């Protein structure tokens, strides 16, 4: 079992509290993603689990063993950083096998483990190359391979794809997802990119100012955000938020103060048939999709995701309609109100 438990975990830097009482149960073989804006505490929380940051209060348990006061070496975890941290004078084979050589393992065992890691990560053709002869994605695979050979209790990834270009990020996202399927290991992954979070995670932990805003599967966070922060952070383009006073045509819970509607749930109809009327300001053509940005009076600016072939132009007057069951209602504190309430 490779479960990880956080109990009322806090982190203080002097008089500043950056982690504010986090409780979390991570199951064996689960892929958990910490996501949130810069400064929310996601990397600090990961480093606390790794033992690289001291825990000010609370407990961290790995496999039901309290490791709160233990050093990183005693926790059995492997960490992959944004920086590859490869030894430039060593070959790929030597870089991957270095942790085992340092631990004094026999050469035959090192060769076997390095060979297994190379096969999993498709590095067989690069084993005699040095880091300078590799692409960014290949270097990151080498860094991951160095973690695999240690057979860790869990893998911790701290924004590992941030240094890669867009195409390589997509490729490496696929590689990490396949790696999780192959190894069936517990993985905790930190990113500010909600697309990475949605595509990789079994469950996502959304952090806001050192607290957990919501924990759930990607589908749960998308369909049932707990509050305004999660609603606007998850989804691309972001959810449109309008005041309830501009949404009187919709049937909403009594305490509704603001209303959320996802761009992909909005239909563009004739002005006379819409629940909201607006004027097209801008069209952003992306090929398969076009984002239609409309000025809608008291409702403000609303973005609509439409098929790329839509025939509209700036200045057109349009109606906007959304099925009531796809609306999101929020009270004065920004907490979601469910339709059944």
C-alpha atoms as a PDB file:
ATOM      1  CA  UNK A   1       0.000   0.000   0.000  1.00  0.00           C
ATOM      2  CA  UNK A   2       1.258   3.494  -0.881  1.00  0.00           C
ATOM      3  CA  UNK A   3      -1.404   5.683   0.694  1.00  0.00           C
ATOM      4  CA  UNK A   4      -0.498   9.185   1.912  1.00  0.00           C
ATOM      5  CA  UNK A   5      -2.469  11.037   4.579  1.00  0.00           C
ATOM      6  CA  UNK A   6      -2.282  14.695   5.590  1.00  0.00           C
ATOM      7  CA  UNK A   7      -3.880  15.649   8.896  1.00  0.00           C
ATOM      8  CA  UNK A   8      -4.413  19.324   9.712  1.00  0.00           C
ATOM      9  CA  UNK A   9      -1.115  20.197   8.027  1.00  0.00           C
ATOM     10  CA  UNK A  10       0.134  23.770   8.394  1.00  0.00           C
ATOM     11  CA  UNK A  11       3.208  25.619   7.195  1.00  0.00           C
ATOM     12  CA  UNK A  12       4.435  28.921   8.588  1.00  0.00           C
ATOM     13  CA  UNK A  13       7.318  31.046   7.360  1.00  0.00           C
ATOM     14  CA  UNK A  14       7.857  33.265  10.361  1.00  0.00           C
ATOM     15  CA  UNK A  15       4.539  35.015  10.996  1.00  0.00           C
ATOM     16  CA  UNK A  16       3.177  34.174   7.538  1.00  0.00           C
ATOM     17  CA  UNK A  17       0.984  31.085   7.190  1.00  0.00           C
ATOM     18  CA  UNK A  18       1.121  29.583   3.689  1.00  0.00           C
ATOM     19  CA  UNK A  19      -0.580  26.205   4.312  1.00  0.00           C
ATOM     20  CA  UNK A  20      -3.689  26.602   6.428  1.00  0.00           C
ATOM     21  CA  UNK A  21      -4.811  23.288   7.862  1.00  0.00           C
ATOM     22  CA  UNK A  22      -4.927  20.818   4.972  1.00  0.00           C
ATOM     23  CA  UNK A  23      -6.619  17.413   5.438  1.00  0.00           C
ATOM     24  CA  UNK A  24      -6.263  14.956   2.568  1.00  0.00           C
ATOM     25  CA  UNK A  25      -6.410  11.188   1.983  1.00  0.00           C
ATOM     26  CA  UNK A  26      -4.481   9.938  -1.071  1.00  0.00           C
ATOM     27  CA  UNK A  27      -5.245   6.342  -1.969  1.00  0.00           C
ATOM     28  CA  UNK A  28      -2.823   3.659  -3.077  1.00  0.00           C
ATOM     29  CA  UNK A  29      -1.989   3.949  -6.818  1.00  0.00           C
ATOM     30  CA  UNK A  30      -4.034   7.161  -7.159  1.00  0.00           C
ATOM     31  CA  UNK A  31      -2.943   9.980  -9.464  1.00  0.00           C
ATOM     32  CA  UNK A  32      -3.541  13.222  -7.546  1.00  0.00           C
ATOM     33  CA  UNK A  33      -2.947  16.657  -9.055  1.00  0.00           C
ATOM     34  CA  UNK A  34      -2.446  19.799  -6.961  1.00  0.00           C
ATOM     35  CA  UNK A  35      -3.574  22.771  -9.031  1.00  0.00           C
ATOM     36  CA  UNK A  36      -4.058  26.452  -8.406  1.00  0.00           C
ATOM     37  CA  UNK A  37      -2.676  29.880  -9.272  1.00  0.00           C
ATOM     38  CA  UNK A  38       0.840  31.024  -8.394  1.00  0.00           C
ATOM     39  CA  UNK A  39       1.270  31.495  -4.654  1.00  0.00           C
ATOM     40  CA  UNK A  40      -1.554  29.149  -3.616  1.00  0.00           C
ATOM     41  CA  UNK A  41       0.839  26.768  -1.800  1.00  0.00           C
ATOM     42  CA  UNK A  42       0.779  23.749  -4.105  1.00  0.00           C
ATOM     43  CA  UNK A  43       4.580  23.338  -4.450  1.00  0.00           C
ATOM     44  CA  UNK A  44       5.086  24.041  -0.735  1.00  0.00           C
ATOM     45  CA  UNK A  45       2.597  21.290   0.120  1.00  0.00           C
ATOM     46  CA  UNK A  46       4.379  18.854  -2.208  1.00  0.00           C
ATOM     47  CA  UNK A  47       7.751  19.701  -0.644  1.00  0.00           C
ATOM     48  CA  UNK A  48       6.285  19.110   2.814  1.00  0.00           C
ATOM     49  CA  UNK A  49       5.199  15.627   1.752  1.00  0.00           C
ATOM     50  CA  UNK A  50       8.697  15.025   0.371  1.00  0.00           C
ATOM     51  CA  UNK A  51      10.323  16.277   3.576  1.00  0.00           C
ATOM     52  CA  UNK A  52      12.073  19.150   1.813  1.00  0.00           C
ATOM     53  CA  UNK A  53      10.033  21.648   3.864  1.00  0.00           C
ATOM     54  CA  UNK A  54       9.444  21.263   7.591  1.00  0.00           C
ATOM     55  CA  UNK A  55       5.836  20.759   8.690  1.00  0.00           C
ATOM     56  CA  UNK A  56       4.927  23.444  11.241  1.00  0.00           C
ATOM     57  CA  UNK A  57       1.830  21.660  12.557  1.00  0.00           C
ATOM     58  CA  UNK A  58      -0.134  18.529  11.775  1.00  0.00           C
ATOM     59  CA  UNK A  59       0.878  15.051  10.629  1.00  0.00           C
ATOM     60  CA  UNK A  60       1.999  13.399   7.394  1.00  0.00           C
ATOM     61  CA  UNK A  61       1.560   9.631   7.146  1.00  0.00           C
ATOM     62  CA  UNK A  62       2.921   7.359   4.416  1.00  0.00           C
ATOM     63  CA  UNK A  63       1.509   3.843   4.466  1.00  0.00           C
ATOM     64  CA  UNK A  64       0.063   4.639   7.935  1.00  0.00           C
ATOM     65  CA  UNK A  65       3.562   5.489   9.210  1.00  0.00           C
ATOM     66  CA  UNK A  66       4.052   8.949  10.721  1.00  0.00           C
ATOM     67  CA  UNK A  67       6.910  10.555   8.765  1.00  0.00           C
ATOM     68  CA  UNK A  68       6.273  14.161   9.815  1.00  0.00           C
ATOM     69  CA  UNK A  69       9.666  14.544  11.486  1.00  0.00           C
ATOM     70  CA  UNK A  70      11.608  12.194   9.207  1.00  0.00           C
ATOM     71  CA  UNK A  71      14.125  13.362   6.571  1.00  0.00           C
ATOM     72  CA  UNK A  72      13.450  12.897   2.837  1.00  0.00           C
ATOM     73  CA  UNK A  73      15.714   9.834   2.653  1.00  0.00           C
ATOM     74  CA  UNK A  74      13.502   7.971   5.135  1.00  0.00           C
ATOM     75  CA  UNK A  75      10.233   8.545   3.285  1.00  0.00           C
ATOM     76  CA  UNK A  76      10.807   6.324   0.241  1.00  0.00           C
ATOM     77  CA  UNK A  77       9.582   8.932  -2.224  1.00  0.00           C
ATOM     78  CA  UNK A  78      10.989   9.990  -5.599  1.00  0.00           C
ATOM     79  CA  UNK A  79      10.709  13.573  -6.773  1.00  0.00           C
ATOM     80  CA  UNK A  80      10.861  14.875 -10.348  1.00  0.00           C
ATOM     81  CA  UNK A  81      11.489  18.606 -10.615  1.00  0.00           C
ATOM     82  CA  UNK A  82      10.934  21.228 -13.289  1.00  0.00           C
ATOM     83  CA  UNK A  83      14.726  21.253 -13.690  1.00  0.00           C
ATOM     84  CA  UNK A  84      16.038  17.946 -15.037  1.00  0.00           C
ATOM     85  CA  UNK A  85      19.163  18.083 -12.799  1.00  0.00           C
ATOM     86  CA  UNK A  86      21.085  15.600 -14.974  1.00  0.00           C
ATOM     87  CA  UNK A  87      24.838  15.145 -14.752  1.00  0.00           C
ATOM     88  CA  UNK A  88      26.194  16.551 -18.046  1.00  0.00           C
ATOM     89  CA  UNK A  89      29.329  14.362 -18.103  1.00  0.00           C
ATOM     90  CA  UNK A  90      27.342  11.132 -17.687  1.00  0.00           C
ATOM     91  CA  UNK A  91      25.527   9.125 -20.330  1.00  0.00           C
ATOM     92  CA  UNK A  92      21.803   8.437 -20.077  1.00  0.00           C
ATOM     93  CA  UNK A  93      22.606   4.957 -18.731  1.00  0.00           C
ATOM     94  CA  UNK A  94      24.869   6.402 -16.048  1.00  0.00           C
ATOM     95  CA  UNK A  95      22.379   9.137 -15.097  1.00  0.00           C
ATOM     96  CA  UNK A  96      19.507   6.681 -14.697  1.00  0.00           C
ATOM     97  CA  UNK A  97      21.611   4.219 -12.708  1.00  0.00           C
ATOM     98  CA  UNK A  98      23.346   6.800 -10.507  1.00  0.00           C
ATOM     99  CA  UNK A  99      21.005   6.489  -7.457  1.00  0.00           C
ATOM    100  CA  UNK A 100      21.532   2.718  -7.435  1.00  0.00           C
ATOM    101  CA  UNK A 101      25.292   2.999  -7.832  1.00  0.00           C
ATOM    102  CA  UNK A 102      25.376   5.476  -4.947  1.00  0.00           C
ATOM    103  CA  UNK A 103      23.428   2.985  -2.828  1.00  0.00           C
ATOM    104  CA  UNK A 104      26.054   0.304  -3.555  1.00  0.00           C
ATOM    105  CA  UNK A 105      23.840  -2.140  -5.464  1.00  0.00           C
ATOM    106  CA  UNK A 106      25.524  -4.896  -7.536  1.00  0.00           C
ATOM    107  CA  UNK A 107      26.178  -4.036 -11.199  1.00  0.00           C
ATOM    108  CA  UNK A 108      23.903  -6.811 -12.471  1.00  0.00           C
ATOM    109  CA  UNK A 109      20.972  -5.468 -10.445  1.00  0.00           C
ATOM    110  CA  UNK A 110      21.665  -1.917 -11.604  1.00  0.00           C
ATOM    111  CA  UNK A 111      21.778  -2.997 -15.239  1.00  0.00           C
ATOM    112  CA  UNK A 112      18.485  -4.872 -14.897  1.00  0.00           C
ATOM    113  CA  UNK A 113      16.654  -1.959 -13.262  1.00  0.00           C
ATOM    114  CA  UNK A 114      18.085   0.577 -15.714  1.00  0.00           C
ATOM    115  CA  UNK A 115      17.074  -1.655 -18.610  1.00  0.00           C
ATOM    116  CA  UNK A 116      13.510  -1.927 -17.299  1.00  0.00           C
ATOM    117  CA  UNK A 117      13.249   1.860 -16.903  1.00  0.00           C
ATOM    118  CA  UNK A 118      14.647   2.430 -20.405  1.00  0.00           C
ATOM    119  CA  UNK A 119      12.092   0.065 -21.891  1.00  0.00           C
ATOM    120  CA  UNK A 120       9.173   1.704 -20.064  1.00  0.00           C
ATOM    121  CA  UNK A 121      10.289   5.201 -21.092  1.00  0.00           C
ATOM    122  CA  UNK A 122      11.416   4.287 -24.625  1.00  0.00           C
ATOM    123  CA  UNK A 123      15.008   5.376 -23.969  1.00  0.00           C
ATOM    124  CA  UNK A 124      16.755   2.271 -25.368  1.00  0.00           C
ATOM    125  CA  UNK A 125      18.141   4.136 -28.382  1.00  0.00           C
ATOM    126  CA  UNK A 126      19.603   6.967 -26.286  1.00  0.00           C
ATOM    127  CA  UNK A 127      21.413   5.142 -23.493  1.00  0.00           C
ATOM    128  CA  UNK A 128      24.933   6.123 -24.599  1.00  0.00           C
ATOM    129  CA  UNK A 129      24.109   9.765 -25.298  1.00  0.00           C
ATOM    130  CA  UNK A 130      24.811  12.645 -22.938  1.00  0.00           C
ATOM    131  CA  UNK A 131      22.159  15.200 -21.855  1.00  0.00           C
ATOM    132  CA  UNK A 132      23.379  17.859 -24.320  1.00  0.00           C
ATOM    133  CA  UNK A 133      22.479  15.497 -27.177  1.00  0.00           C
ATOM    134  CA  UNK A 134      18.870  15.061 -26.026  1.00  0.00           C
ATOM    135  CA  UNK A 135      15.680  17.069 -26.528  1.00  0.00           C
ATOM    136  CA  UNK A 136      13.852  18.576 -23.555  1.00  0.00           C
ATOM    137  CA  UNK A 137      11.306  15.752 -23.545  1.00  0.00           C
ATOM    138  CA  UNK A 138      14.038  13.107 -23.640  1.00  0.00           C
ATOM    139  CA  UNK A 139      15.863  14.764 -20.747  1.00  0.00           C
ATOM    140  CA  UNK A 140      12.680  14.764 -18.703  1.00  0.00           C
ATOM    141  CA  UNK A 141      12.212  11.069 -19.432  1.00  0.00           C
ATOM    142  CA  UNK A 142      15.745  10.438 -18.176  1.00  0.00           C
ATOM    143  CA  UNK A 143      14.935  12.324 -14.964  1.00  0.00           C
ATOM    144  CA  UNK A 144      11.801  10.206 -14.537  1.00  0.00           C
ATOM    145  CA  UNK A 145      13.826   7.051 -15.256  1.00  0.00           C
ATOM    146  CA  UNK A 146      16.228   7.957 -12.459  1.00  0.00           C
ATOM    147  CA  UNK A 147      13.205   7.986 -10.136  1.00  0.00           C
ATOM    148  CA  UNK A 148      11.719   4.727 -11.440  1.00  0.00           C
ATOM    149  CA  UNK A 149      14.832   2.649 -10.710  1.00  0.00           C
ATOM    150  CA  UNK A 150      14.567   3.506  -7.017  1.00  0.00           C
ATOM    151  CA  UNK A 151      11.189   1.692  -6.838  1.00  0.00           C
ATOM    152  CA  UNK A 152       9.725   4.470  -4.662  1.00  0.00           C
ATOM    153  CA  UNK A 153       6.643   4.390  -2.474  1.00  0.00           C
ATOM    154  CA  UNK A 154       5.233   7.262  -4.518  1.00  0.00           C
ATOM    155  CA  UNK A 155       6.278   9.715  -7.234  1.00  0.00           C
ATOM    156  CA  UNK A 156       6.125  13.469  -6.666  1.00  0.00           C
ATOM    157  CA  UNK A 157       6.161  15.719  -9.762  1.00  0.00           C
ATOM    158  CA  UNK A 158       6.754  19.460  -9.326  1.00  0.00           C
ATOM    159  CA  UNK A 159       5.664  21.168 -12.587  1.00  0.00           C
ATOM    160  CA  UNK A 160       7.815  18.766 -14.640  1.00  0.00           C
ATOM    161  CA  UNK A 161       6.642  20.025 -18.048  1.00  0.00           C
ATOM    162  CA  UNK A 162       7.054  23.765 -17.518  1.00  0.00           C
ATOM    163  CA  UNK A 163      10.316  23.951 -19.508  1.00  0.00           C
ATOM    164  CA  UNK A 164       8.886  22.220 -22.583  1.00  0.00           C
ATOM    165  CA  UNK A 165       7.254  23.743 -25.650  1.00  0.00           C
ATOM    166  CA  UNK A 166       3.556  23.150 -26.353  1.00  0.00           C
ATOM    167  CA  UNK A 167       4.019  20.068 -28.564  1.00  0.00           C
ATOM    168  CA  UNK A 168       6.406  18.383 -26.130  1.00  0.00           C
ATOM    169  CA  UNK A 169       4.082  19.135 -23.219  1.00  0.00           C
ATOM    170  CA  UNK A 170       1.307  17.200 -24.950  1.00  0.00           C
ATOM    171  CA  UNK A 171       3.681  14.325 -25.726  1.00  0.00           C
ATOM    172  CA  UNK A 172       5.045  14.145 -22.171  1.00  0.00           C
ATOM    173  CA  UNK A 173       1.562  14.397 -20.671  1.00  0.00           C
ATOM    174  CA  UNK A 174       0.716  11.240 -22.602  1.00  0.00           C
ATOM    175  CA  UNK A 175       3.956   9.564 -21.461  1.00  0.00           C
ATOM    176  CA  UNK A 176       3.259  10.329 -17.785  1.00  0.00           C
ATOM    177  CA  UNK A 177      -0.328   9.049 -18.056  1.00  0.00           C
ATOM    178  CA  UNK A 178       0.903   5.811 -19.657  1.00  0.00           C
ATOM    179  CA  UNK A 179       3.616   5.540 -16.988  1.00  0.00           C
ATOM    180  CA  UNK A 180       0.985   5.655 -14.266  1.00  0.00           C
ATOM    181  CA  UNK A 181      -1.002   2.936 -15.997  1.00  0.00           C
ATOM    182  CA  UNK A 182       2.119   0.774 -16.310  1.00  0.00           C
ATOM    183  CA  UNK A 183       3.587   1.227 -12.834  1.00  0.00           C
ATOM    184  CA  UNK A 184       0.287   1.503 -10.921  1.00  0.00           C
ATOM    185  CA  UNK A 185       2.104   3.714  -8.395  1.00  0.00           C
ATOM    186  CA  UNK A 186       0.830   6.576  -6.281  1.00  0.00           C
ATOM    187  CA  UNK A 187       1.615   9.872  -8.021  1.00  0.00           C
ATOM    188  CA  UNK A 188       1.218  13.469  -6.837  1.00  0.00           C
ATOM    189  CA  UNK A 189       1.626  16.077  -9.539  1.00  0.00           C
ATOM    190  CA  UNK A 190       1.809  19.862  -9.150  1.00  0.00           C
ATOM    191  CA  UNK A 191       0.823  22.192 -11.985  1.00  0.00           C
ATOM    192  CA  UNK A 192      -0.744  25.598 -12.593  1.00  0.00           C
ATOM    193  CA  UNK A 193      -2.094  24.279 -15.917  1.00  0.00           C
ATOM    194  CA  UNK A 194      -5.694  23.146 -15.513  1.00  0.00           C
ATOM    195  CA  UNK A 195      -5.549  21.232 -18.836  1.00  0.00           C
ATOM    196  CA  UNK A 196      -2.757  19.039 -17.389  1.00  0.00           C
ATOM    197  CA  UNK A 197      -4.812  18.601 -14.234  1.00  0.00           C
ATOM    198  CA  UNK A 198      -7.979  17.603 -16.103  1.00  0.00           C
ATOM    199  CA  UNK A 199      -6.268  15.140 -18.440  1.00  0.00           C
ATOM    200  CA  UNK A 200      -3.963  13.406 -15.931  1.00  0.00           C
ATOM    201  CA  UNK A 201      -5.746  13.246 -12.585  1.00  0.00           C
ATOM    202  CA  UNK A 202      -7.866  10.603 -10.932  1.00  0.00           C
ATOM    203  CA  UNK A 203      -8.705  13.412  -8.490  1.00  0.00           C
ATOM    204  CA  UNK A 204      -7.773  17.090  -8.481  1.00  0.00           C
ATOM    205  CA  UNK A 205      -6.993  19.113  -5.366  1.00  0.00           C
ATOM    206  CA  UNK A 206      -7.735  22.786  -6.091  1.00  0.00           C
ATOM    207  CA  UNK A 207      -5.795  25.063  -3.731  1.00  0.00           C
ATOM    208  CA  UNK A 208      -6.634  28.683  -2.941  1.00  0.00           C
ATOM    209  CA  UNK A 209      -4.446  30.737  -0.599  1.00  0.00           C
ATOM    210  CA  UNK A 210      -3.127  27.687   1.271  1.00  0.00           C
ATOM    211  CA  UNK A 211      -6.497  25.974   1.706  1.00  0.00           C
ATOM    212  CA  UNK A 212      -8.283  23.265  -0.254  1.00  0.00           C
ATOM    213  CA  UNK A 213     -11.083  24.856  -2.250  1.00  0.00           C
ATOM    214  CA  UNK A 214     -12.360  21.496  -3.539  1.00  0.00           C
ATOM    215  CA  UNK A 215     -11.252  17.904  -4.109  1.00  0.00           C
ATOM    216  CA  UNK A 216     -12.874  15.758  -6.771  1.00  0.00           C
ATOM    217  CA  UNK A 217     -12.596  13.981 -10.084  1.00  0.00           C
ATOM    218  CA  UNK A 218     -12.124  16.198 -13.151  1.00  0.00           C
ATOM    219  CA  UNK A 219     -15.760  15.612 -14.071  1.00  0.00           C
ATOM    220  CA  UNK A 220     -16.999  16.521 -10.573  1.00  0.00           C
ATOM    221  CA  UNK A 221     -15.038  19.777 -10.566  1.00  0.00           C
ATOM    222  CA  UNK A 222     -16.234  20.687 -14.056  1.00  0.00           C
ATOM    223  CA  UNK A 223     -19.897  19.805 -13.547  1.00  0.00           C
ATOM    224  CA  UNK A 224     -20.311  20.680  -9.858  1.00  0.00           C
ATOM    225  CA  UNK A 225     -17.785  23.316  -8.761  1.00  0.00           C
ATOM    226  CA  UNK A 226     -18.154  24.047  -5.048  1.00  0.00           C
ATOM    227  CA  UNK A 227     -17.600  27.791  -5.358  1.00  0.00           C
ATOM    228  CA  UNK A 228     -16.839  30.655  -7.706  1.00  0.00           C
ATOM    229  CA  UNK A 229     -13.071  30.156  -7.468  1.00  0.00           C
ATOM    230  CA  UNK A 230     -13.201  26.552  -8.673  1.00  0.00           C
ATOM    231  CA  UNK A 231     -15.861  27.364 -11.259  1.00  0.00           C
ATOM    232  CA  UNK A 232     -13.660  29.981 -12.909  1.00  0.00           C
ATOM    233  CA  UNK A 233     -10.375  28.099 -12.520  1.00  0.00           C
ATOM    234  CA  UNK A 234     -11.546  24.828 -14.076  1.00  0.00           C
ATOM    235  CA  UNK A 235     -12.557  25.016 -17.721  1.00  0.00           C
ATOM    236  CA  UNK A 236     -11.141  26.770 -20.773  1.00  0.00           C
ATOM    237  CA  UNK A 237     -12.310  29.328 -21.706  1.00  0.00           C
ATOM    238  CA  UNK A 238     -13.289  30.278 -18.158  1.00  0.00           C
ATOM    239  CA  UNK A 239     -16.883  30.143 -16.991  1.00  0.00           C
ATOM    240  CA  UNK A 240     -18.838  33.357 -17.605  1.00  0.00           C
ATOM    241  CA  UNK A 241     -20.082  34.915 -14.365  1.00  0.00           C
ATOM    242  CA  UNK A 242     -22.939  37.431 -14.478  1.00  0.00           C
ATOM    243  CA  UNK A 243     -25.015  39.095 -11.742  1.00  0.00           C
ATOM    244  CA  UNK A 244     -28.331  37.423 -10.935  1.00  0.00           C
ATOM    245  CA  UNK A 245     -30.076  40.731 -11.689  1.00  0.00           C
ATOM    246  CA  UNK A 246     -29.076  40.252 -15.347  1.00  0.00           C
ATOM    247  CA  UNK A 247     -30.382  36.671 -15.420  1.00  0.00           C
ATOM    248  CA  UNK A 248     -34.006  37.149 -14.383  1.00  0.00           C
ATOM    249  CA  UNK A 249     -35.208  35.163 -17.389  1.00  0.00           C
ATOM    250  CA  UNK A 250     -33.798  31.999 -15.791  1.00  0.00           C
ATOM    251  CA  UNK A 251     -35.367  29.949 -12.977  1.00  0.00           C
ATOM    252  CA  UNK A 252     -32.735  30.141 -10.206  1.00  0.00           C
ATOM    253  CA  UNK A 253     -32.503  29.329  -6.470  1.00  0.00           C
ATOM    254  CA  UNK A 254     -33.777  32.119  -4.236  1.00  0.00           C
ATOM    255  CA  UNK A 255     -30.394  33.044  -2.693  1.00  0.00           C
ATOM    256  CA  UNK A 256     -28.653  33.435  -6.055  1.00  0.00           C
ATOM    257  CA  UNK A 257     -26.367  36.465  -6.315  1.00  0.00           C
ATOM    258  CA  UNK A 258     -24.299  35.460  -9.358  1.00  0.00           C
ATOM    259  CA  UNK A 259     -24.809  33.011 -12.203  1.00  0.00           C
ATOM    260  CA  UNK A 260     -22.224  30.967 -14.070  1.00  0.00           C
ATOM    261  CA  UNK A 261     -22.507  29.654 -17.609  1.00  0.00           C
ATOM    262  CA  UNK A 262     -19.814  27.766 -19.461  1.00  0.00           C
ATOM    263  CA  UNK A 263     -18.995  29.058 -22.969  1.00  0.00           C
ATOM    264  CA  UNK A 264     -19.678  25.649 -24.518  1.00  0.00           C
ATOM    265  CA  UNK A 265     -23.171  25.445 -22.953  1.00  0.00           C
ATOM    266  CA  UNK A 266     -24.428  28.680 -24.513  1.00  0.00           C
ATOM    267  CA  UNK A 267     -26.432  28.599 -27.731  1.00  0.00           C
ATOM    268  CA  UNK A 268     -26.485  31.566 -30.093  1.00  0.00           C
ATOM    269  CA  UNK A 269     -30.050  32.136 -31.298  1.00  0.00           C
ATOM    270  CA  UNK A 270     -32.083  34.921 -32.854  1.00  0.00           C
ATOM    271  CA  UNK A 271     -32.130  38.027 -30.672  1.00  0.00           C
ATOM    272  CA  UNK A 272     -35.871  37.669 -30.051  1.00  0.00           C
ATOM    273  CA  UNK A 273     -35.462  34.082 -28.845  1.00  0.00           C
ATOM    274  CA  UNK A 274     -32.582  34.614 -26.405  1.00  0.00           C
ATOM    275  CA  UNK A 275     -32.722  34.818 -22.615  1.00  0.00           C
ATOM    276  CA  UNK A 276     -29.942  37.422 -22.901  1.00  0.00           C
ATOM    277  CA  UNK A 277     -29.314  39.782 -25.830  1.00  0.00           C
ATOM    278  CA  UNK A 278     -25.859  40.939 -26.872  1.00  0.00           C
ATOM    279  CA  UNK A 279     -23.722  42.435 -29.603  1.00  0.00           C
ATOM    280  CA  UNK A 280     -20.794  40.550 -31.113  1.00  0.00           C
ATOM    281  CA  UNK A 281     -17.555  42.345 -30.201  1.00  0.00           C
ATOM    282  CA  UNK A 282     -14.919  39.900 -31.411  1.00  0.00           C
ATOM    283  CA  UNK A 283     -14.523  36.497 -33.023  1.00  0.00           C
ATOM    284  CA  UNK A 284     -11.491  34.343 -32.183  1.00  0.00           C
ATOM    285  CA  UNK A 285     -11.168  31.664 -34.857  1.00  0.00           C
ATOM    286  CA  UNK A 286      -9.304  28.538 -33.680  1.00  0.00           C
ATOM    287  CA  UNK A 287     -10.115  26.101 -36.471  1.00  0.00           C
ATOM    288  CA  UNK A 288     -12.567  23.599 -34.993  1.00  0.00           C
ATOM    289  CA  UNK A 289     -13.913  26.274 -32.615  1.00  0.00           C
ATOM    290  CA  UNK A 290     -14.646  29.982 -32.722  1.00  0.00           C
ATOM    291  CA  UNK A 291     -14.923  31.985 -29.503  1.00  0.00           C
ATOM    292  CA  UNK A 292     -17.608  34.631 -29.910  1.00  0.00           C
ATOM    293  CA  UNK A 293     -17.191  37.468 -27.414  1.00  0.00           C
ATOM    294  CA  UNK A 294     -20.358  39.470 -26.864  1.00  0.00           C
ATOM    295  CA  UNK A 295     -21.216  42.660 -24.972  1.00  0.00           C
ATOM    296  CA  UNK A 296     -24.450  41.981 -23.115  1.00  0.00           C
ATOM    297  CA  UNK A 297     -25.394  45.150 -21.241  1.00  0.00           C
ATOM    298  CA  UNK A 298     -25.869  44.561 -17.509  1.00  0.00           C
ATOM    299  CA  UNK A 299     -24.628  40.966 -17.949  1.00  0.00           C
ATOM    300  CA  UNK A 300     -21.231  42.279 -19.062  1.00  0.00           C
ATOM    301  CA  UNK A 301     -18.977  40.475 -21.505  1.00  0.00           C
ATOM    302  CA  UNK A 302     -19.906  36.861 -22.321  1.00  0.00           C
ATOM    303  CA  UNK A 303     -17.772  34.376 -24.257  1.00  0.00           C
ATOM    304  CA  UNK A 304     -19.507  31.690 -26.307  1.00  0.00           C
ATOM    305  CA  UNK A 305     -17.741  28.623 -27.696  1.00  0.00           C
ATOM    306  CA  UNK A 306     -19.190  27.750 -31.106  1.00  0.00           C
ATOM    307  CA  UNK A 307     -18.255  25.583 -34.117  1.00  0.00           C
ATOM    308  CA  UNK A 308     -15.461  27.142 -36.146  1.00  0.00           C
ATOM    309  CA  UNK A 309     -17.690  27.594 -39.177  1.00  0.00           C
ATOM    310  CA  UNK A 310     -20.201  29.935 -37.533  1.00  0.00           C
ATOM    311  CA  UNK A 311     -21.188  32.884 -39.756  1.00  0.00           C
ATOM    312  CA  UNK A 312     -21.113  35.993 -37.599  1.00  0.00           C
ATOM    313  CA  UNK A 313     -19.335  39.336 -37.698  1.00  0.00           C
ATOM    314  CA  UNK A 314     -18.597  42.089 -35.167  1.00  0.00           C
ATOM    315  CA  UNK A 315     -21.638  44.290 -34.635  1.00  0.00           C
ATOM    316  CA  UNK A 316     -24.217  41.519 -35.121  1.00  0.00           C
ATOM    317  CA  UNK A 317     -27.012  41.398 -32.533  1.00  0.00           C
ATOM    318  CA  UNK A 318     -27.567  37.905 -31.132  1.00  0.00           C
ATOM    319  CA  UNK A 319     -29.595  36.112 -28.494  1.00  0.00           C
ATOM    320  CA  UNK A 320     -27.960  33.801 -25.951  1.00  0.00           C
ATOM    321  CA  UNK A 321     -29.714  30.828 -24.421  1.00  0.00           C
ATOM    322  CA  UNK A 322     -28.574  28.211 -21.884  1.00  0.00           C
ATOM    323  CA  UNK A 323     -30.521  25.185 -20.595  1.00  0.00           C
ATOM    324  CA  UNK A 324     -31.380  25.892 -16.959  1.00  0.00           C
ATOM    325  CA  UNK A 325     -29.876  22.599 -15.726  1.00  0.00           C
ATOM    326  CA  UNK A 326     -26.467  23.711 -17.085  1.00  0.00           C
ATOM    327  CA  UNK A 327     -26.417  26.989 -15.162  1.00  0.00           C
ATOM    328  CA  UNK A 328     -24.403  27.413 -11.955  1.00  0.00           C
ATOM    329  CA  UNK A 329     -25.851  29.558  -9.159  1.00  0.00           C
ATOM    330  CA  UNK A 330     -23.754  31.089  -6.367  1.00  0.00           C
ATOM    331  CA  UNK A 331     -24.727  32.892  -3.169  1.00  0.00           C
ATOM    332  CA  UNK A 332     -23.266  36.092  -1.724  1.00  0.00           C
ATOM    333  CA  UNK A 333     -20.251  34.165  -0.318  1.00  0.00           C
ATOM    334  CA  UNK A 334     -19.524  32.595  -3.712  1.00  0.00           C
ATOM    335  CA  UNK A 335     -20.724  29.140  -2.593  1.00  0.00           C
ATOM    336  CA  UNK A 336     -22.522  27.012  -5.176  1.00  0.00           C
ATOM    337  CA  UNK A 337     -26.278  26.600  -4.831  1.00  0.00           C
ATOM    338  CA  UNK A 338     -27.595  23.355  -6.253  1.00  0.00           C
ATOM    339  CA  UNK A 339     -30.742  23.554  -8.370  1.00  0.00           C
ATOM    340  CA  UNK A 340     -32.570  21.127  -6.076  1.00  0.00           C
ATOM    341  CA  UNK A 341     -32.107  23.612  -3.215  1.00  0.00           C
END
